[in-house]
C-alpha atoms as a PDB file:
ATOM      1  CA  MET A   1      18.410 -39.736 -16.625  1.00  0.00           C
ATOM      2  CA  THR A   2      20.159 -38.436 -13.707  1.00  0.00           C
ATOM      3  CA  GLU A   3      23.803 -37.035 -14.371  1.00  0.00           C
ATOM      4  CA  ILE A   4      26.161 -36.395 -11.608  1.00  0.00           C
ATOM      5  CA  ILE A   5      29.611 -34.532 -12.267  1.00  0.00           C
ATOM      6  CA  ILE A   6      32.402 -35.024  -9.686  1.00  0.00           C
ATOM      7  CA  ARG A   7      34.861 -32.284 -10.030  1.00  0.00           C
ATOM      8  CA  LYS A   8      38.426 -32.789  -9.095  1.00  0.00           C
ATOM      9  CA  SER A   9      41.678 -30.710  -9.167  1.00  0.00           C
ATOM     10  CA  GLU A  10      44.699 -32.132 -11.254  1.00  0.00           C
ATOM     11  CA  ASN A  11      45.882 -33.387  -7.787  1.00  0.00           C
ATOM     12  CA  GLY A  12      42.807 -35.474  -7.284  1.00  0.00           C
ATOM     13  CA  GLU A  13      41.227 -32.906  -4.715  1.00  0.00           C
ATOM     14  CA  TYR A  14      37.616 -32.506  -4.553  1.00  0.00           C
ATOM     15  CA  GLN A  15      36.198 -29.422  -5.955  1.00  0.00           C
ATOM     16  CA  GLY A  16      32.561 -29.979  -5.833  1.00  0.00           C
ATOM     17  CA  PHE A  17      29.813 -31.769  -7.848  1.00  0.00           C
ATOM     18  CA  THR A  18      26.651 -31.223  -9.926  1.00  0.00           C
ATOM     19  CA  CYS A  19      23.567 -33.375  -9.733  1.00  0.00           C
ATOM     20  CA  LYS A  20      21.041 -32.639 -12.474  1.00  0.00           C
ATOM     21  CA  GLY A  21      18.249 -34.472 -13.958  1.00  0.00           C
ATOM     22  CA  HIS A  22      15.534 -36.586 -12.919  1.00  0.00           C
ATOM     23  CA  SER A  23      16.145 -40.468 -13.367  1.00  0.00           C
ATOM     24  CA  GLY A  24      12.714 -41.257 -15.057  1.00  0.00           C
ATOM     25  CA  PHE A  25      12.937 -44.834 -13.298  1.00  0.00           C
ATOM     26  CA  ALA A  26       9.194 -44.206 -12.211  1.00  0.00           C
ATOM     27  CA  VAL A  27       6.676 -41.632 -11.987  1.00  0.00           C
ATOM     28  CA  LYS A  28       7.003 -39.011  -9.327  1.00  0.00           C
ATOM     29  CA  GLY A  29       6.743 -39.896  -5.974  1.00  0.00           C
ATOM     30  CA  LYS A  30       7.570 -43.531  -6.762  1.00  0.00           C
ATOM     31  CA  ASP A  31      10.957 -43.136  -8.415  1.00  0.00           C
ATOM     32  CA  ILE A  32      13.290 -45.224  -6.068  1.00  0.00           C
ATOM     33  CA  VAL A  33      16.360 -44.192  -7.931  1.00  0.00           C
ATOM     34  CA  CYS A  34      15.630 -40.522  -7.868  1.00  0.00           C
ATOM     35  CA  ALA A  35      15.015 -40.626  -4.193  1.00  0.00           C
ATOM     36  CA  SER A  36      18.017 -42.686  -3.365  1.00  0.00           C
ATOM     37  CA  VAL A  37      20.465 -40.196  -5.327  1.00  0.00           C
ATOM     38  CA  SER A  38      18.490 -37.496  -3.642  1.00  0.00           C
ATOM     39  CA  VAL A  39      18.990 -38.832  -0.020  1.00  0.00           C
ATOM     40  CA  LEU A  40      22.771 -39.634  -0.756  1.00  0.00           C
ATOM     41  CA  VAL A  41      23.609 -36.023  -2.280  1.00  0.00           C
ATOM     42  CA  ILE A  42      21.697 -34.278   0.608  1.00  0.00           C
ATOM     43  CA  ASN A  43      22.919 -36.159   3.299  1.00  0.00           C
ATOM     44  CA  ALA A  44      26.591 -35.827   2.028  1.00  0.00           C
ATOM     45  CA  ILE A  45      26.166 -32.032   1.684  1.00  0.00           C
ATOM     46  CA  ASN A  46      24.542 -31.870   5.257  1.00  0.00           C
ATOM     47  CA  SER A  47      26.944 -34.152   6.758  1.00  0.00           C
ATOM     48  CA  MET A  48      30.001 -32.172   5.312  1.00  0.00           C
ATOM     49  CA  GLU A  49      28.633 -29.014   6.914  1.00  0.00           C
ATOM     50  CA  LYS A  50      27.441 -30.203  10.150  1.00  0.00           C
ATOM     51  CA  LEU A  51      29.836 -33.077  11.010  1.00  0.00           C
ATOM     52  CA  ALA A  52      33.204 -31.926   9.021  1.00  0.00           C
ATOM     53  CA  GLY A  53      32.631 -28.083   9.040  1.00  0.00           C
ATOM     54  CA  GLU A  54      33.414 -27.861   5.380  1.00  0.00           C
ATOM     55  CA  ASP A  55      32.966 -24.640   3.613  1.00  0.00           C
ATOM     56  CA  MET A  56      30.764 -25.108   0.707  1.00  0.00           C
ATOM     57  CA  GLU A  57      28.472 -23.045  -1.668  1.00  0.00           C
ATOM     58  CA  ILE A  58      25.182 -24.838  -2.571  1.00  0.00           C
ATOM     59  CA  GLU A  59      22.763 -24.053  -5.115  1.00  0.00           C
ATOM     60  CA  ALA A  60      19.606 -25.809  -5.768  1.00  0.00           C
ATOM     61  CA  GLU A  61      16.941 -25.735  -8.663  1.00  0.00           C
ATOM     62  CA  GLU A  62      14.370 -28.232  -7.467  1.00  0.00           C
ATOM     63  CA  THR A  63      12.004 -28.155 -10.498  1.00  0.00           C
ATOM     64  CA  ALA A  64      14.893 -28.538 -12.790  1.00  0.00           C
ATOM     65  CA  GLY A  65      16.362 -31.388 -10.474  1.00  0.00           C
ATOM     66  CA  ILE A  66      19.777 -29.622 -10.139  1.00  0.00           C
ATOM     67  CA  ILE A  67      22.200 -29.441  -7.054  1.00  0.00           C
ATOM     68  CA  ARG A  68      25.549 -27.733  -7.488  1.00  0.00           C
ATOM     69  CA  CYS A  69      28.226 -27.990  -4.692  1.00  0.00           C
ATOM     70  CA  ARG A  70      31.325 -26.093  -4.766  1.00  0.00           C
ATOM     71  CA  ILE A  71      33.880 -26.811  -2.225  1.00  0.00           C
ATOM     72  CA  LYS A  72      35.717 -23.602  -1.255  1.00  0.00           C
ATOM     73  CA  ARG A  73      38.740 -25.125   0.492  1.00  0.00           C
ATOM     74  CA  THR A  74      40.657 -28.240   0.630  1.00  0.00           C
ATOM     75  CA  LEU A  75      38.499 -30.881   2.277  1.00  0.00           C
ATOM     76  CA  SER A  76      39.352 -32.489   5.732  1.00  0.00           C
ATOM     77  CA  GLU A  77      39.715 -36.153   5.988  1.00  0.00           C
ATOM     78  CA  LYS A  78      36.376 -36.316   7.206  1.00  0.00           C
ATOM     79  CA  GLY A  79      35.110 -34.215   4.366  1.00  0.00           C
ATOM     80  CA  LYS A  80      36.950 -36.658   1.959  1.00  0.00           C
ATOM     81  CA  LEU A  81      35.513 -39.606   3.614  1.00  0.00           C
ATOM     82  CA  LEU A  82      31.996 -38.220   3.148  1.00  0.00           C
ATOM     83  CA  MET A  83      32.502 -37.606  -0.502  1.00  0.00           C
ATOM     84  CA  ASP A  84      34.071 -40.907  -0.944  1.00  0.00           C
ATOM     85  CA  SER A  85      31.086 -42.687   0.816  1.00  0.00           C
ATOM     86  CA  MET A  86      28.509 -40.309  -1.247  1.00  0.00           C
ATOM     87  CA  ILE A  87      30.307 -41.483  -4.674  1.00  0.00           C
ATOM     88  CA  LEU A  88      30.509 -45.276  -3.585  1.00  0.00           C
ATOM     89  CA  GLY A  89      26.738 -45.204  -3.128  1.00  0.00           C
ATOM     90  CA  LEU A  90      25.982 -43.349  -6.237  1.00  0.00           C
ATOM     91  CA  LEU A  91      28.308 -45.915  -8.213  1.00  0.00           C
ATOM     92  CA  GLN A  92      26.356 -48.789  -6.665  1.00  0.00           C
ATOM     93  CA  ILE A  93      23.157 -47.446  -7.744  1.00  0.00           C
ATOM     94  CA  GLU A  94      24.346 -46.669 -11.212  1.00  0.00           C
ATOM     95  CA  GLU A  95      25.654 -50.578 -11.312  1.00  0.00           C
ATOM     96  CA  GLN A  96      22.506 -51.881  -9.890  1.00  0.00           C
ATOM     97  CA  TYR A  97      19.942 -49.738 -11.979  1.00  0.00           C
ATOM     98  CA  GLY A  98      21.962 -48.899 -15.080  1.00  0.00           C
ATOM     99  CA  LYS A  99      23.140 -46.047 -16.936  1.00  0.00           C
ATOM    100  CA  LYS A 100      20.025 -45.510 -18.556  1.00  0.00           C
ATOM    101  CA  TYR A 101      18.793 -44.017 -15.187  1.00  0.00           C
ATOM    102  CA  LEU A 102      22.015 -42.622 -13.470  1.00  0.00           C
ATOM    103  CA  VAL A 103      25.361 -41.723 -14.718  1.00  0.00           C
ATOM    104  CA  VAL A 104      28.373 -40.754 -12.404  1.00  0.00           C
ATOM    105  CA  LYS A 105      31.231 -38.960 -14.119  1.00  0.00           C
ATOM    106  CA  CYS A 106      34.528 -37.358 -12.722  1.00  0.00           C
ATOM    107  CA  LYS A 107      35.821 -34.370 -14.462  1.00  0.00           C
ATOM    108  CA  GLU A 108      39.371 -32.681 -13.871  1.00  0.00           C
ATOM    109  CA  VAL A 109      39.022 -28.913 -13.473  1.00  0.00           C
END
């Protein structure tokens, strides 16, 4: 199962997120859940950097299936929209395929 933890401050500002694990929906190379999650997460990171100019610290451990994103400053409106969009897509995958393969959680930090 893939678990995504979205970190927010007390006042609801995005602080970052962690995506870890492999969904286990299908064998490597045919796992559409894992591929969909990866595309949403990586595209959100790239878009926040390139289109919104956000300052983030990214760590990735490919074999373990872990991506960590730490947002260094308060996000711009564009950055917030990109995070909201990523989360919307992830929640739709979770709803369609079930929590057996993907769990999205919000955590206050």
